[in-house]
N, C-alpha and C. Protein backbone atom coordinates (compact mmCIF):
# COMPACT_ATOMS: atom_id res chain seq x y z
N MET A 1 -143.64 192.37 62.55
CA MET A 1 -142.53 193.22 62.13
C MET A 1 -141.63 193.58 63.32
N ARG A 2 -142.20 193.86 64.43
CA ARG A 2 -141.46 194.15 65.61
C ARG A 2 -140.56 192.98 66.03
N GLU A 3 -141.13 191.74 65.90
CA GLU A 3 -140.37 190.55 66.19
C GLU A 3 -139.11 190.39 65.37
N TYR A 4 -139.27 190.64 64.06
CA TYR A 4 -138.12 190.50 63.18
C TYR A 4 -137.07 191.57 63.47
N LEU A 5 -137.49 192.80 63.75
CA LEU A 5 -136.51 193.80 64.10
C LEU A 5 -135.74 193.47 65.46
N LEU A 6 -136.47 192.92 66.41
CA LEU A 6 -135.82 192.51 67.61
C LEU A 6 -134.83 191.39 67.37
N ILE A 7 -135.17 190.39 66.53
CA ILE A 7 -134.31 189.32 66.17
C ILE A 7 -133.03 189.82 65.51
N ILE A 8 -133.20 190.79 64.61
CA ILE A 8 -132.04 191.37 63.94
C ILE A 8 -131.14 192.10 64.90
N LEU A 9 -131.72 192.87 65.80
CA LEU A 9 -130.97 193.57 66.85
C LEU A 9 -130.24 192.62 67.78
N ILE A 10 -130.92 191.60 68.21
CA ILE A 10 -130.28 190.61 69.05
C ILE A 10 -129.15 189.90 68.29
N GLY A 11 -129.33 189.60 67.03
CA GLY A 11 -128.27 189.05 66.18
C GLY A 11 -127.05 189.90 66.04
N LEU A 12 -127.34 191.21 65.82
CA LEU A 12 -126.21 192.14 65.71
C LEU A 12 -125.40 192.25 66.96
N VAL A 13 -126.06 192.34 68.14
CA VAL A 13 -125.34 192.41 69.42
C VAL A 13 -124.56 191.12 69.63
N ALA A 14 -125.21 189.99 69.37
CA ALA A 14 -124.52 188.69 69.60
C ALA A 14 -123.31 188.56 68.65
N ALA A 15 -123.42 189.04 67.40
CA ALA A 15 -122.36 188.89 66.43
C ALA A 15 -121.17 189.78 66.84
N PHE A 16 -121.42 191.05 67.27
CA PHE A 16 -120.37 191.88 67.59
C PHE A 16 -119.67 191.33 68.90
N VAL A 17 -120.45 190.86 69.87
CA VAL A 17 -119.83 190.29 71.06
C VAL A 17 -119.02 189.02 70.75
N GLY A 18 -119.56 188.22 69.76
CA GLY A 18 -118.89 187.00 69.42
C GLY A 18 -117.57 187.20 68.77
N ILE A 19 -117.32 188.30 68.10
CA ILE A 19 -115.98 188.42 67.36
C ILE A 19 -114.98 189.19 68.25
N ILE A 20 -115.40 189.68 69.39
CA ILE A 20 -114.35 190.40 70.29
C ILE A 20 -113.23 189.43 70.69
N PRO A 21 -113.47 188.21 71.14
CA PRO A 21 -112.33 187.36 71.49
C PRO A 21 -111.41 187.09 70.29
N LEU A 22 -112.01 187.03 69.09
CA LEU A 22 -111.18 186.74 67.93
C LEU A 22 -110.42 187.92 67.47
N LEU A 23 -110.91 189.15 67.64
CA LEU A 23 -110.13 190.32 67.33
C LEU A 23 -108.91 190.42 68.26
N LYS A 24 -109.00 190.04 69.48
CA LYS A 24 -107.84 190.05 70.40
C LYS A 24 -106.78 189.08 69.99
N ARG A 25 -107.17 188.02 69.34
CA ARG A 25 -106.21 186.97 68.88
C ARG A 25 -105.79 187.22 67.43
N ARG A 26 -106.22 188.27 66.80
CA ARG A 26 -105.77 188.71 65.47
C ARG A 26 -105.96 187.59 64.39
N VAL A 27 -107.19 187.13 64.30
CA VAL A 27 -107.54 186.13 63.22
C VAL A 27 -107.75 186.87 61.94
N ASP A 28 -107.78 186.11 60.82
CA ASP A 28 -107.96 186.76 59.50
C ASP A 28 -109.43 187.21 59.31
N ARG A 29 -109.67 188.03 58.33
CA ARG A 29 -111.00 188.58 58.11
C ARG A 29 -112.04 187.58 57.66
N TYR A 30 -111.65 186.47 57.05
CA TYR A 30 -112.61 185.48 56.61
C TYR A 30 -113.16 184.74 57.83
N THR A 31 -112.26 184.46 58.78
CA THR A 31 -112.79 183.85 59.99
C THR A 31 -113.66 184.75 60.81
N LEU A 32 -113.27 185.99 60.90
CA LEU A 32 -114.16 187.00 61.53
C LEU A 32 -115.53 187.16 60.87
N PHE A 33 -115.48 187.20 59.56
CA PHE A 33 -116.77 187.34 58.85
C PHE A 33 -117.69 186.06 59.02
N SER A 34 -117.05 184.91 58.94
CA SER A 34 -117.87 183.66 59.17
C SER A 34 -118.42 183.55 60.54
N VAL A 35 -117.65 183.95 61.54
CA VAL A 35 -118.19 183.93 62.93
C VAL A 35 -119.22 184.99 63.16
N PHE A 36 -118.97 186.15 62.53
CA PHE A 36 -120.00 187.25 62.62
C PHE A 36 -121.31 186.78 62.00
N LEU A 37 -121.29 186.20 60.82
CA LEU A 37 -122.56 185.66 60.21
C LEU A 37 -123.20 184.61 61.02
N PHE A 38 -122.38 183.73 61.59
CA PHE A 38 -122.91 182.65 62.34
C PHE A 38 -123.70 183.17 63.58
N TYR A 39 -123.12 184.12 64.32
CA TYR A 39 -123.82 184.65 65.48
C TYR A 39 -124.98 185.58 65.10
N PHE A 40 -124.86 186.20 63.95
CA PHE A 40 -125.92 187.06 63.45
C PHE A 40 -127.23 186.23 63.12
N LEU A 41 -127.02 185.07 62.55
CA LEU A 41 -128.15 184.26 62.16
C LEU A 41 -128.60 183.27 63.24
N MET A 42 -127.84 183.09 64.27
CA MET A 42 -128.12 182.16 65.34
C MET A 42 -129.48 182.45 66.05
N PRO A 43 -129.88 183.69 66.33
CA PRO A 43 -131.18 183.89 66.98
C PRO A 43 -132.33 183.31 66.16
N VAL A 44 -132.25 183.34 64.86
CA VAL A 44 -133.35 182.83 64.01
C VAL A 44 -133.43 181.31 64.22
N VAL A 45 -132.30 180.60 64.30
CA VAL A 45 -132.29 179.23 64.53
C VAL A 45 -132.80 178.86 65.91
N VAL A 46 -132.29 179.58 66.92
CA VAL A 46 -132.66 179.26 68.28
C VAL A 46 -134.17 179.48 68.52
N TYR A 47 -134.67 180.55 67.94
CA TYR A 47 -136.12 180.85 68.23
C TYR A 47 -137.05 180.03 67.41
N ARG A 48 -136.58 179.39 66.37
CA ARG A 48 -137.51 178.52 65.55
C ARG A 48 -137.42 177.03 65.93
N ILE A 49 -136.39 176.64 66.56
CA ILE A 49 -136.22 175.19 66.91
C ILE A 49 -136.92 174.85 68.21
N LYS A 50 -137.50 173.74 68.25
CA LYS A 50 -138.11 173.23 69.45
C LYS A 50 -137.61 171.81 69.79
N LEU A 51 -137.03 171.66 70.93
CA LEU A 51 -136.47 170.42 71.39
C LEU A 51 -137.28 169.94 72.58
N PRO A 52 -137.94 168.86 72.49
CA PRO A 52 -138.73 168.37 73.66
C PRO A 52 -137.83 168.00 74.84
N GLY A 53 -138.23 168.51 76.00
CA GLY A 53 -137.52 168.17 77.23
C GLY A 53 -136.38 169.13 77.53
N VAL A 54 -136.17 170.11 76.71
CA VAL A 54 -135.08 171.07 76.94
C VAL A 54 -135.72 172.38 77.36
N ASN A 55 -135.29 172.92 78.53
CA ASN A 55 -135.79 174.22 78.99
C ASN A 55 -135.40 175.39 78.11
N TRP A 56 -136.11 176.50 78.20
CA TRP A 56 -135.84 177.65 77.31
C TRP A 56 -134.45 178.21 77.51
N TRP A 57 -133.96 178.22 78.77
CA TRP A 57 -132.69 178.84 79.07
C TRP A 57 -131.50 177.92 78.61
N LEU A 58 -131.77 176.65 78.42
CA LEU A 58 -130.72 175.72 77.95
C LEU A 58 -130.73 175.54 76.46
N LEU A 59 -131.79 175.88 75.79
CA LEU A 59 -131.94 175.74 74.36
C LEU A 59 -130.88 176.54 73.60
N GLY A 60 -130.74 177.76 73.94
CA GLY A 60 -129.76 178.69 73.28
C GLY A 60 -128.32 178.14 73.35
N PRO A 61 -127.86 177.95 74.55
CA PRO A 61 -126.44 177.46 74.68
C PRO A 61 -126.22 176.13 74.00
N LEU A 62 -127.18 175.20 74.14
CA LEU A 62 -127.06 173.86 73.51
C LEU A 62 -127.00 173.99 72.00
N VAL A 63 -127.91 174.65 71.36
CA VAL A 63 -127.94 174.73 69.94
C VAL A 63 -126.73 175.49 69.40
N THR A 64 -126.37 176.58 70.04
CA THR A 64 -125.20 177.34 69.56
C THR A 64 -123.95 176.59 69.72
N PHE A 65 -123.81 175.87 70.86
CA PHE A 65 -122.55 175.09 71.02
C PHE A 65 -122.43 174.00 69.96
N ILE A 66 -123.53 173.32 69.72
CA ILE A 66 -123.48 172.19 68.76
C ILE A 66 -123.22 172.73 67.34
N LEU A 67 -123.82 173.86 67.02
CA LEU A 67 -123.65 174.32 65.61
C LEU A 67 -122.33 175.08 65.45
N VAL A 68 -121.64 175.48 66.46
CA VAL A 68 -120.35 176.15 66.33
C VAL A 68 -119.21 175.10 66.15
N LEU A 69 -119.46 173.85 66.48
CA LEU A 69 -118.43 172.82 66.37
C LEU A 69 -117.85 172.72 64.92
N PRO A 70 -118.62 172.74 63.86
CA PRO A 70 -117.96 172.70 62.55
C PRO A 70 -117.10 173.88 62.26
N ILE A 71 -117.43 175.05 62.73
CA ILE A 71 -116.57 176.22 62.53
C ILE A 71 -115.28 176.08 63.36
N VAL A 72 -115.39 175.57 64.55
CA VAL A 72 -114.23 175.35 65.34
C VAL A 72 -113.27 174.31 64.68
N VAL A 73 -113.86 173.23 64.19
CA VAL A 73 -112.99 172.20 63.51
C VAL A 73 -112.39 172.77 62.25
N ALA A 74 -113.11 173.52 61.47
CA ALA A 74 -112.58 174.08 60.23
C ALA A 74 -111.51 175.19 60.51
N GLN A 75 -111.72 175.98 61.53
CA GLN A 75 -110.74 177.03 61.77
C GLN A 75 -109.69 176.63 62.81
N GLY A 76 -109.92 175.52 63.46
CA GLY A 76 -108.99 175.13 64.58
C GLY A 76 -107.60 174.78 64.13
N ARG A 77 -107.49 174.31 62.89
CA ARG A 77 -106.14 173.87 62.42
C ARG A 77 -105.22 175.07 62.29
N GLY A 78 -105.73 176.15 61.83
CA GLY A 78 -104.88 177.40 61.59
C GLY A 78 -104.76 178.23 62.86
N TYR A 79 -105.83 178.16 63.70
CA TYR A 79 -105.87 179.03 64.90
C TYR A 79 -106.17 178.20 66.10
N LYS A 80 -105.22 177.45 66.57
CA LYS A 80 -105.43 176.62 67.74
C LYS A 80 -105.68 177.38 68.99
N LYS A 81 -105.20 178.59 69.09
CA LYS A 81 -105.40 179.41 70.23
C LYS A 81 -106.83 180.00 70.31
N CYS A 82 -107.59 179.83 69.24
CA CYS A 82 -108.97 180.30 69.21
C CYS A 82 -110.05 179.24 69.52
N ILE A 83 -109.68 178.01 69.70
CA ILE A 83 -110.65 176.97 69.91
C ILE A 83 -111.40 177.14 71.18
N PHE A 84 -110.71 177.19 72.30
CA PHE A 84 -111.39 177.38 73.58
C PHE A 84 -112.18 178.67 73.66
N PRO A 85 -111.65 179.79 73.29
CA PRO A 85 -112.51 181.03 73.38
C PRO A 85 -113.80 180.94 72.48
N MET A 86 -113.67 180.34 71.34
CA MET A 86 -114.88 180.22 70.46
C MET A 86 -115.96 179.32 71.11
N LEU A 87 -115.50 178.20 71.71
CA LEU A 87 -116.46 177.31 72.42
C LEU A 87 -117.11 177.99 73.63
N LEU A 88 -116.27 178.63 74.43
CA LEU A 88 -116.80 179.32 75.60
C LEU A 88 -117.71 180.48 75.22
N THR A 89 -117.31 181.23 74.23
CA THR A 89 -118.17 182.34 73.76
C THR A 89 -119.48 181.82 73.23
N SER A 90 -119.47 180.73 72.52
CA SER A 90 -120.74 180.22 71.97
C SER A 90 -121.75 179.85 73.07
N ILE A 91 -121.33 179.35 74.18
CA ILE A 91 -122.18 179.04 75.31
C ILE A 91 -122.74 180.36 75.87
N GLY A 92 -121.88 181.28 76.10
CA GLY A 92 -122.37 182.60 76.64
C GLY A 92 -123.28 183.35 75.73
N ILE A 93 -122.99 183.34 74.46
CA ILE A 93 -123.85 184.05 73.50
C ILE A 93 -125.19 183.29 73.32
N GLY A 94 -125.07 181.96 73.36
CA GLY A 94 -126.34 181.15 73.26
C GLY A 94 -127.26 181.47 74.46
N PHE A 95 -126.66 181.60 75.67
CA PHE A 95 -127.47 181.97 76.80
C PHE A 95 -128.09 183.36 76.63
N PHE A 96 -127.27 184.31 76.17
CA PHE A 96 -127.77 185.68 75.91
C PHE A 96 -128.98 185.63 74.96
N ILE A 97 -128.80 184.86 73.87
CA ILE A 97 -129.89 184.79 72.86
C ILE A 97 -131.12 184.21 73.48
N ALA A 98 -130.99 183.15 74.27
CA ALA A 98 -132.17 182.56 74.89
C ALA A 98 -132.84 183.48 75.86
N VAL A 99 -132.09 184.16 76.70
CA VAL A 99 -132.71 185.07 77.63
C VAL A 99 -133.37 186.27 76.97
N MET A 100 -132.69 186.87 75.99
CA MET A 100 -133.35 187.99 75.21
C MET A 100 -134.57 187.52 74.53
N GLY A 101 -134.56 186.39 73.93
CA GLY A 101 -135.76 185.89 73.24
C GLY A 101 -136.91 185.57 74.24
N HIS A 102 -136.56 185.07 75.37
CA HIS A 102 -137.61 184.73 76.37
C HIS A 102 -138.28 185.98 76.86
N PHE A 103 -137.49 187.01 77.20
CA PHE A 103 -138.07 188.18 77.83
C PHE A 103 -138.54 189.24 76.79
N LEU A 104 -137.97 189.34 75.63
CA LEU A 104 -138.37 190.34 74.69
C LEU A 104 -139.39 189.82 73.67
N LEU A 105 -139.37 188.57 73.33
CA LEU A 105 -140.26 188.06 72.28
C LEU A 105 -141.41 187.32 72.82
N ALA A 106 -141.47 187.10 74.09
CA ALA A 106 -142.59 186.32 74.63
C ALA A 106 -143.81 187.09 74.87
């Protein structure tokens, strides 16, 4: 039970941090909600996936970056100024998720 609560807390922090660059660029609420849900659910994916040969600190940024690409492609046409911040934020939040999971859930 403690593990699930920590995953939810890490997801909430990651989601709120993930939408900050988009709030500054004034995107619509559907984009904000989709990115919020993406980062909220990302800790579950990162903590459950196992990739052989990938270190724990690289797993979060790698998985998050790869999975954010469809959102960037879908939203990139209307918000070209948000493509780079979303990609950069995904790497940072993925690293945050990996570090928090390594130290809090191990």
